[in-house]
Amino acid sequence: DFFPENGWQVVRSDELKYEYHTSPAEFL
């Protein structure tokens, strides 16, 4: 919402999903 509310338009949006290994301890 931020960009349109401030007079900008999203011309293109691409989302890349990816997987990786982490651990709860790394998050902590």
PDB file of all heavy atoms in Angstrom:
ATOM      1  N   ASP A   1       0.812  -1.217   0.000  1.00  0.00           N
ATOM      2  CA  ASP A   1       0.000   0.000   0.000  1.00  0.00           C
ATOM      3  C   ASP A   1       0.848   1.270   0.000  1.00  0.00           C
ATOM      4  O   ASP A   1       0.386   2.317  -0.433  1.00  0.00           O
ATOM      5  CB  ASP A   1      -0.913   0.036   1.234  1.00  0.00           C
ATOM      6  CG  ASP A   1      -1.872  -1.136   1.275  1.00  0.00           C
ATOM      7  OD1 ASP A   1      -2.280  -1.605   0.191  1.00  0.00           O
ATOM      8  OD2 ASP A   1      -2.196  -1.591   2.384  1.00  0.00           O
ATOM      9  N   PHE A   2       2.061   1.184   0.502  1.00  0.00           N
ATOM     10  CA  PHE A   2       2.910   2.358   0.685  1.00  0.00           C
ATOM     11  C   PHE A   2       3.148   3.126  -0.615  1.00  0.00           C
ATOM     12  O   PHE A   2       3.000   4.341  -0.666  1.00  0.00           O
ATOM     13  CB  PHE A   2       4.248   1.941   1.314  1.00  0.00           C
ATOM     14  CG  PHE A   2       5.265   3.039   1.385  1.00  0.00           C
ATOM     15  CD1 PHE A   2       5.073   4.127   2.233  1.00  0.00           C
ATOM     16  CD2 PHE A   2       6.408   2.987   0.609  1.00  0.00           C
ATOM     17  CE1 PHE A   2       6.014   5.149   2.305  1.00  0.00           C
ATOM     18  CE2 PHE A   2       7.349   3.999   0.678  1.00  0.00           C
ATOM     19  CZ  PHE A   2       7.153   5.082   1.524  1.00  0.00           C
ATOM     20  N   PHE A   3       3.513   2.431  -1.668  1.00  0.00           N
ATOM     21  CA  PHE A   3       3.855   3.114  -2.916  1.00  0.00           C
ATOM     22  C   PHE A   3       2.638   3.769  -3.578  1.00  0.00           C
ATOM     23  O   PHE A   3       2.686   4.964  -3.889  1.00  0.00           O
ATOM     24  CB  PHE A   3       4.591   2.163  -3.864  1.00  0.00           C
ATOM     25  CG  PHE A   3       5.904   1.715  -3.292  1.00  0.00           C
ATOM     26  CD1 PHE A   3       6.077   0.430  -2.824  1.00  0.00           C
ATOM     27  CD2 PHE A   3       6.969   2.593  -3.182  1.00  0.00           C
ATOM     28  CE1 PHE A   3       7.277   0.023  -2.266  1.00  0.00           C
ATOM     29  CE2 PHE A   3       8.185   2.202  -2.639  1.00  0.00           C
ATOM     30  CZ  PHE A   3       8.334   0.910  -2.180  1.00  0.00           C
ATOM     31  N   PRO A   4       1.529   3.055  -3.796  1.00  0.00           N
ATOM     32  CA  PRO A   4       0.356   3.711  -4.410  1.00  0.00           C
ATOM     33  C   PRO A   4      -0.167   4.883  -3.571  1.00  0.00           C
ATOM     34  O   PRO A   4      -0.583   5.908  -4.124  1.00  0.00           O
ATOM     35  CB  PRO A   4      -0.682   2.598  -4.493  1.00  0.00           C
ATOM     36  CG  PRO A   4       0.083   1.334  -4.448  1.00  0.00           C
ATOM     37  CD  PRO A   4       1.307   1.615  -3.636  1.00  0.00           C
ATOM     38  N   GLU A   5      -0.131   4.752  -2.258  1.00  0.00           N
ATOM     39  CA  GLU A   5      -0.607   5.838  -1.388  1.00  0.00           C
ATOM     40  C   GLU A   5       0.239   7.102  -1.523  1.00  0.00           C
ATOM     41  O   GLU A   5      -0.195   8.189  -1.160  1.00  0.00           O
ATOM     42  CB  GLU A   5      -0.608   5.391   0.077  1.00  0.00           C
ATOM     43  CG  GLU A   5      -1.700   4.395   0.391  1.00  0.00           C
ATOM     44  CD  GLU A   5      -1.587   3.831   1.797  1.00  0.00           C
ATOM     45  OE1 GLU A   5      -0.604   4.137   2.519  1.00  0.00           O
ATOM     46  OE2 GLU A   5      -2.482   3.053   2.179  1.00  0.00           O
ATOM     47  N   ASN A   6       1.458   6.942  -2.045  1.00  0.00           N
ATOM     48  CA  ASN A   6       2.372   8.071  -2.173  1.00  0.00           C
ATOM     49  C   ASN A   6       2.681   8.418  -3.623  1.00  0.00           C
ATOM     50  O   ASN A   6       3.710   9.022  -3.927  1.00  0.00           O
ATOM     51  CB  ASN A   6       3.653   7.781  -1.382  1.00  0.00           C
ATOM     52  CG  ASN A   6       3.389   7.803   0.103  1.00  0.00           C
ATOM     53  OD1 ASN A   6       3.212   8.870   0.678  1.00  0.00           O
ATOM     54  ND2 ASN A   6       3.307   6.641   0.722  1.00  0.00           N
ATOM     55  N   GLY A   7       1.769   8.040  -4.528  1.00  0.00           N
ATOM     56  CA  GLY A   7       1.873   8.476  -5.917  1.00  0.00           C
ATOM     57  C   GLY A   7       2.795   7.665  -6.795  1.00  0.00           C
ATOM     58  O   GLY A   7       3.232   8.148  -7.841  1.00  0.00           O
ATOM     59  N   TRP A   8       3.087   6.450  -6.417  1.00  0.00           N
ATOM     60  CA  TRP A   8       3.934   5.578  -7.218  1.00  0.00           C
ATOM     61  C   TRP A   8       3.130   4.346  -7.615  1.00  0.00           C
ATOM     62  O   TRP A   8       2.178   3.967  -6.946  1.00  0.00           O
ATOM     63  CB  TRP A   8       5.162   5.140  -6.419  1.00  0.00           C
ATOM     64  CG  TRP A   8       6.140   6.248  -6.164  1.00  0.00           C
ATOM     65  CD1 TRP A   8       5.921   7.379  -5.419  1.00  0.00           C
ATOM     66  CD2 TRP A   8       7.462   6.339  -6.646  1.00  0.00           C
ATOM     67  NE1 TRP A   8       7.035   8.162  -5.413  1.00  0.00           N
ATOM     68  CE2 TRP A   8       8.011   7.551  -6.152  1.00  0.00           C
ATOM     69  CE3 TRP A   8       8.265   5.530  -7.439  1.00  0.00           C
ATOM     70  CZ2 TRP A   8       9.306   7.947  -6.432  1.00  0.00           C
ATOM     71  CZ3 TRP A   8       9.567   5.929  -7.707  1.00  0.00           C
ATOM     72  CH2 TRP A   8      10.078   7.122  -7.215  1.00  0.00           C
ATOM     73  N   GLN A   9       3.551   3.724  -8.715  1.00  0.00           N
ATOM     74  CA  GLN A   9       2.885   2.504  -9.154  1.00  0.00           C
ATOM     75  C   GLN A   9       3.902   1.376  -9.295  1.00  0.00           C
ATOM     76  O   GLN A   9       5.036   1.599  -9.723  1.00  0.00           O
ATOM     77  CB  GLN A   9       2.164   2.719 -10.478  1.00  0.00           C
ATOM     78  CG  GLN A   9       3.065   3.130 -11.627  1.00  0.00           C
ATOM     79  CD  GLN A   9       2.267   3.486 -12.863  1.00  0.00           C
ATOM     80  OE1 GLN A   9       1.074   3.278 -12.925  1.00  0.00           O
ATOM     81  NE2 GLN A   9       2.936   4.053 -13.863  1.00  0.00           N
ATOM     82  N   VAL A  10       3.481   0.197  -8.898  1.00  0.00           N
ATOM     83  CA  VAL A  10       4.312  -0.984  -9.076  1.00  0.00           C
ATOM     84  C   VAL A  10       4.095  -1.465 -10.505  1.00  0.00           C
ATOM     85  O   VAL A  10       3.000  -1.876 -10.875  1.00  0.00           O
ATOM     86  CB  VAL A  10       3.959  -2.078  -8.053  1.00  0.00           C
ATOM     87  CG1 VAL A  10       4.784  -3.333  -8.304  1.00  0.00           C
ATOM     88  CG2 VAL A  10       4.162  -1.563  -6.631  1.00  0.00           C
ATOM     89  N   VAL A  11       5.145  -1.365 -11.304  1.00  0.00           N
ATOM     90  CA  VAL A  11       5.074  -1.745 -12.711  1.00  0.00           C
ATOM     91  C   VAL A  11       5.230  -3.253 -12.869  1.00  0.00           C
ATOM     92  O   VAL A  11       4.622  -3.875 -13.731  1.00  0.00           O
ATOM     93  CB  VAL A  11       6.158  -0.995 -13.529  1.00  0.00           C
ATOM     94  CG1 VAL A  11       6.158  -1.420 -14.986  1.00  0.00           C
ATOM     95  CG2 VAL A  11       5.977   0.506 -13.401  1.00  0.00           C
ATOM     96  N   ARG A  12       6.049  -3.823 -12.019  1.00  0.00           N
ATOM     97  CA  ARG A  12       6.283  -5.262 -12.066  1.00  0.00           C
ATOM     98  C   ARG A  12       6.709  -5.728 -10.680  1.00  0.00           C
ATOM     99  O   ARG A  12       7.426  -5.026  -9.975  1.00  0.00           O
ATOM    100  CB  ARG A  12       7.370  -5.593 -13.089  1.00  0.00           C
ATOM    101  CG  ARG A  12       7.654  -7.065 -13.206  1.00  0.00           C
ATOM    102  CD  ARG A  12       8.617  -7.380 -14.299  1.00  0.00           C
ATOM    103  NE  ARG A  12       8.905  -8.810 -14.281  1.00  0.00           N
ATOM    104  CZ  ARG A  12       9.629  -9.424 -15.177  1.00  0.00           C
ATOM    105  NH1 ARG A  12      10.148  -8.739 -16.169  1.00  0.00           N
ATOM    106  NH2 ARG A  12       9.847 -10.714 -15.089  1.00  0.00           N
ATOM    107  N   SER A  13       6.267  -6.909 -10.321  1.00  0.00           N
ATOM    108  CA  SER A  13       6.659  -7.498  -9.049  1.00  0.00           C
ATOM    109  C   SER A  13       6.887  -8.988  -9.266  1.00  0.00           C
ATOM    110  O   SER A  13       6.037  -9.676  -9.813  1.00  0.00           O
ATOM    111  CB  SER A  13       5.569  -7.278  -8.001  1.00  0.00           C
ATOM    112  OG  SER A  13       5.977  -7.760  -6.749  1.00  0.00           O
ATOM    113  N   ASP A  14       8.058  -9.446  -8.874  1.00  0.00           N
ATOM    114  CA  ASP A  14       8.380 -10.864  -8.996  1.00  0.00           C
ATOM    115  C   ASP A  14       8.811 -11.384  -7.632  1.00  0.00           C
ATOM    116  O   ASP A  14       9.544 -10.723  -6.900  1.00  0.00           O
ATOM    117  CB  ASP A  14       9.508 -11.097 -10.001  1.00  0.00           C
ATOM    118  CG  ASP A  14       9.074 -10.816 -11.428  1.00  0.00           C
ATOM    119  OD1 ASP A  14       8.022 -11.321 -11.839  1.00  0.00           O
ATOM    120  OD2 ASP A  14       9.787 -10.075 -12.128  1.00  0.00           O
ATOM    121  N   GLU A  15       8.338 -12.580  -7.315  1.00  0.00           N
ATOM    122  CA  GLU A  15       8.669 -13.196  -6.042  1.00  0.00           C
ATOM    123  C   GLU A  15       9.418 -14.490  -6.295  1.00  0.00           C
ATOM    124  O   GLU A  15       8.979 -15.325  -7.084  1.00  0.00           O
ATOM    125  CB  GLU A  15       7.380 -13.470  -5.271  1.00  0.00           C
ATOM    126  CG  GLU A  15       7.600 -13.977  -3.876  1.00  0.00           C
ATOM    127  CD  GLU A  15       6.291 -14.144  -3.131  1.00  0.00           C
ATOM    128  OE1 GLU A  15       5.865 -13.171  -2.482  1.00  0.00           O
ATOM    129  OE2 GLU A  15       5.708 -15.233  -3.228  1.00  0.00           O
ATOM    130  N   LEU A  16      10.543 -14.617  -5.648  1.00  0.00           N
ATOM    131  CA  LEU A  16      11.350 -15.825  -5.749  1.00  0.00           C
ATOM    132  C   LEU A  16      11.226 -16.582  -4.440  1.00  0.00           C
ATOM    133  O   LEU A  16      11.510 -16.034  -3.367  1.00  0.00           O
ATOM    134  CB  LEU A  16      12.818 -15.464  -5.998  1.00  0.00           C
ATOM    135  CG  LEU A  16      13.823 -16.604  -5.880  1.00  0.00           C
ATOM    136  CD1 LEU A  16      13.618 -17.605  -7.016  1.00  0.00           C
ATOM    137  CD2 LEU A  16      15.240 -16.072  -5.884  1.00  0.00           C
ATOM    138  N   LYS A  17      10.765 -17.808  -4.518  1.00  0.00           N
ATOM    139  CA  LYS A  17      10.716 -18.663  -3.332  1.00  0.00           C
ATOM    140  C   LYS A  17      11.945 -19.560  -3.368  1.00  0.00           C
ATOM    141  O   LYS A  17      12.337 -20.050  -4.423  1.00  0.00           O
ATOM    142  CB  LYS A  17       9.454 -19.513  -3.331  1.00  0.00           C
ATOM    143  CG  LYS A  17       8.193 -18.712  -3.097  1.00  0.00           C
ATOM    144  CD  LYS A  17       6.983 -19.628  -2.962  1.00  0.00           C
ATOM    145  CE  LYS A  17       5.722 -18.850  -2.808  1.00  0.00           C
ATOM    146  NZ  LYS A  17       5.547 -18.199  -1.558  1.00  0.00           N
ATOM    147  N   TYR A  18      12.545 -19.731  -2.204  1.00  0.00           N
ATOM    148  CA  TYR A  18      13.716 -20.590  -2.140  1.00  0.00           C
ATOM    149  C   TYR A  18      13.739 -21.320  -0.803  1.00  0.00           C
ATOM    150  O   TYR A  18      13.107 -20.901   0.155  1.00  0.00           O
ATOM    151  CB  TYR A  18      15.005 -19.791  -2.350  1.00  0.00           C
ATOM    152  CG  TYR A  18      15.231 -18.701  -1.322  1.00  0.00           C
ATOM    153  CD1 TYR A  18      16.070 -18.913  -0.238  1.00  0.00           C
ATOM    154  CD2 TYR A  18      14.613 -17.456  -1.441  1.00  0.00           C
ATOM    155  CE1 TYR A  18      16.276 -17.922   0.709  1.00  0.00           C
ATOM    156  CE2 TYR A  18      14.820 -16.457  -0.506  1.00  0.00           C
ATOM    157  CZ  TYR A  18      15.647 -16.705   0.567  1.00  0.00           C
ATOM    158  OH  TYR A  18      15.851 -15.722   1.505  1.00  0.00           O
ATOM    159  N   GLU A  19      14.455 -22.414  -0.789  1.00  0.00           N
ATOM    160  CA  GLU A  19      14.568 -23.224   0.422  1.00  0.00           C
ATOM    161  C   GLU A  19      16.018 -23.274   0.866  1.00  0.00           C
ATOM    162  O   GLU A  19      16.933 -23.246   0.036  1.00  0.00           O
ATOM    163  CB  GLU A  19      14.076 -24.649   0.160  1.00  0.00           C
ATOM    164  CG  GLU A  19      12.600 -24.743  -0.131  1.00  0.00           C
ATOM    165  CD  GLU A  19      12.152 -26.170  -0.402  1.00  0.00           C
ATOM    166  OE1 GLU A  19      12.998 -27.001  -0.810  1.00  0.00           O
ATOM    167  OE2 GLU A  19      10.972 -26.462  -0.200  1.00  0.00           O
ATOM    168  N   TYR A  20      16.206 -23.368   2.146  1.00  0.00           N
ATOM    169  CA  TYR A  20      17.536 -23.524   2.705  1.00  0.00           C
ATOM    170  C   TYR A  20      17.403 -24.164   4.078  1.00  0.00           C
ATOM    171  O   TYR A  20      16.323 -24.209   4.659  1.00  0.00           O
ATOM    172  CB  TYR A  20      18.271 -22.187   2.788  1.00  0.00           C
ATOM    173  CG  TYR A  20      17.603 -21.185   3.695  1.00  0.00           C
ATOM    174  CD1 TYR A  20      18.029 -21.014   4.998  1.00  0.00           C
ATOM    175  CD2 TYR A  20      16.509 -20.440   3.253  1.00  0.00           C
ATOM    176  CE1 TYR A  20      17.397 -20.112   5.831  1.00  0.00           C
ATOM    177  CE2 TYR A  20      15.885 -19.536   4.090  1.00  0.00           C
ATOM    178  CZ  TYR A  20      16.333 -19.377   5.382  1.00  0.00           C
ATOM    179  OH  TYR A  20      15.694 -18.493   6.205  1.00  0.00           O
ATOM    180  N   HIS A  21      18.512 -24.655   4.580  1.00  0.00           N
ATOM    181  CA  HIS A  21      18.509 -25.247   5.914  1.00  0.00           C
ATOM    182  C   HIS A  21      18.973 -24.216   6.929  1.00  0.00           C
ATOM    183  O   HIS A  21      19.943 -23.500   6.719  1.00  0.00           O
ATOM    184  CB  HIS A  21      19.403 -26.483   5.961  1.00  0.00           C
ATOM    185  CG  HIS A  21      18.784 -27.663   5.312  1.00  0.00           C
ATOM    186  ND1 HIS A  21      18.960 -27.950   3.981  1.00  0.00           N
ATOM    187  CD2 HIS A  21      17.954 -28.615   5.799  1.00  0.00           C
ATOM    188  CE1 HIS A  21      18.271 -29.043   3.674  1.00  0.00           C
ATOM    189  NE2 HIS A  21      17.652 -29.466   4.759  1.00  0.00           N
ATOM    190  N   THR A  22      18.248 -24.162   8.013  1.00  0.00           N
ATOM    191  CA  THR A  22      18.605 -23.329   9.148  1.00  0.00           C
ATOM    192  C   THR A  22      18.290 -24.156  10.386  1.00  0.00           C
ATOM    193  O   THR A  22      18.040 -25.354  10.289  1.00  0.00           O
ATOM    194  CB  THR A  22      17.846 -21.987   9.129  1.00  0.00           C
ATOM    195  OG1 THR A  22      18.350 -21.149  10.167  1.00  0.00           O
ATOM    196  CG2 THR A  22      16.361 -22.155   9.259  1.00  0.00           C
ATOM    197  N   SER A  23      18.297 -23.520  11.536  1.00  0.00           N
ATOM    198  CA  SER A  23      17.950 -24.245  12.759  1.00  0.00           C
ATOM    199  C   SER A  23      17.298 -23.275  13.736  1.00  0.00           C
ATOM    200  O   SER A  23      17.503 -22.060  13.655  1.00  0.00           O
ATOM    201  CB  SER A  23      19.197 -24.856  13.390  1.00  0.00           C
ATOM    202  OG  SER A  23      20.032 -23.828  13.899  1.00  0.00           O
ATOM    203  N   PRO A  24      16.533 -23.804  14.669  1.00  0.00           N
ATOM    204  CA  PRO A  24      15.974 -22.944  15.707  1.00  0.00           C
ATOM    205  C   PRO A  24      17.064 -22.198  16.477  1.00  0.00           C
ATOM    206  O   PRO A  24      16.896 -21.038  16.845  1.00  0.00           O
ATOM    207  CB  PRO A  24      15.214 -23.920  16.607  1.00  0.00           C
ATOM    208  CG  PRO A  24      14.854 -25.047  15.690  1.00  0.00           C
ATOM    209  CD  PRO A  24      16.029 -25.176  14.755  1.00  0.00           C
ATOM    210  N   ALA A  25      18.198 -22.850  16.700  1.00  0.00           N
ATOM    211  CA  ALA A  25      19.298 -22.200  17.419  1.00  0.00           C
ATOM    212  C   ALA A  25      19.835 -21.003  16.637  1.00  0.00           C
ATOM    213  O   ALA A  25      20.220 -19.985  17.234  1.00  0.00           O
ATOM    214  CB  ALA A  25      20.420 -23.205  17.682  1.00  0.00           C
ATOM    215  N   GLU A  26      19.859 -21.099  15.311  1.00  0.00           N
ATOM    216  CA  GLU A  26      20.311 -19.968  14.497  1.00  0.00           C
ATOM    217  C   GLU A  26      19.345 -18.796  14.634  1.00  0.00           C
ATOM    218  O   GLU A  26      19.770 -17.641  14.753  1.00  0.00           O
ATOM    219  CB  GLU A  26      20.440 -20.381  13.030  1.00  0.00           C
ATOM    220  CG  GLU A  26      20.928 -19.251  12.145  1.00  0.00           C
ATOM    221  CD  GLU A  26      21.010 -19.639  10.683  1.00  0.00           C
ATOM    222  OE1 GLU A  26      21.007 -20.844  10.356  1.00  0.00           O
ATOM    223  OE2 GLU A  26      21.072 -18.710   9.850  1.00  0.00           O
ATOM    224  N   PHE A  27      18.053 -19.081  14.619  1.00  0.00           N
ATOM    225  CA  PHE A  27      17.057 -18.024  14.810  1.00  0.00           C
ATOM    226  C   PHE A  27      17.262 -17.367  16.177  1.00  0.00           C
ATOM    227  O   PHE A  27      17.300 -16.136  16.290  1.00  0.00           O
ATOM    228  CB  PHE A  27      15.647 -18.618  14.701  1.00  0.00           C
ATOM    229  CG  PHE A  27      14.558 -17.597  14.833  1.00  0.00           C
ATOM    230  CD1 PHE A  27      14.041 -16.973  13.715  1.00  0.00           C
ATOM    231  CD2 PHE A  27      14.050 -17.255  16.080  1.00  0.00           C
ATOM    232  CE1 PHE A  27      13.028 -16.028  13.827  1.00  0.00           C
ATOM    233  CE2 PHE A  27      13.040 -16.304  16.207  1.00  0.00           C
ATOM    234  CZ  PHE A  27      12.536 -15.687  15.080  1.00  0.00           C
ATOM    235  N   LEU A  28      17.409 -18.178  17.207  1.00  0.00           N
ATOM    236  CA  LEU A  28      17.622 -17.666  18.554  1.00  0.00           C
ATOM    237  C   LEU A  28      18.870 -16.791  18.620  1.00  0.00           C
ATOM    238  O   LEU A  28      18.849 -15.700  19.197  1.00  0.00           O
ATOM    239  CB  LEU A  28      17.736 -18.837  19.536  1.00  0.00           C
ATOM    240  CG  LEU A  28      18.071 -18.486  20.981  1.00  0.00           C
ATOM    241  CD1 LEU A  28      16.984 -17.613  21.594  1.00  0.00           C
ATOM    242  CD2 LEU A  28      18.282 -19.763  21.784  1.00  0.00           C
TER     243      LEU A  28
END
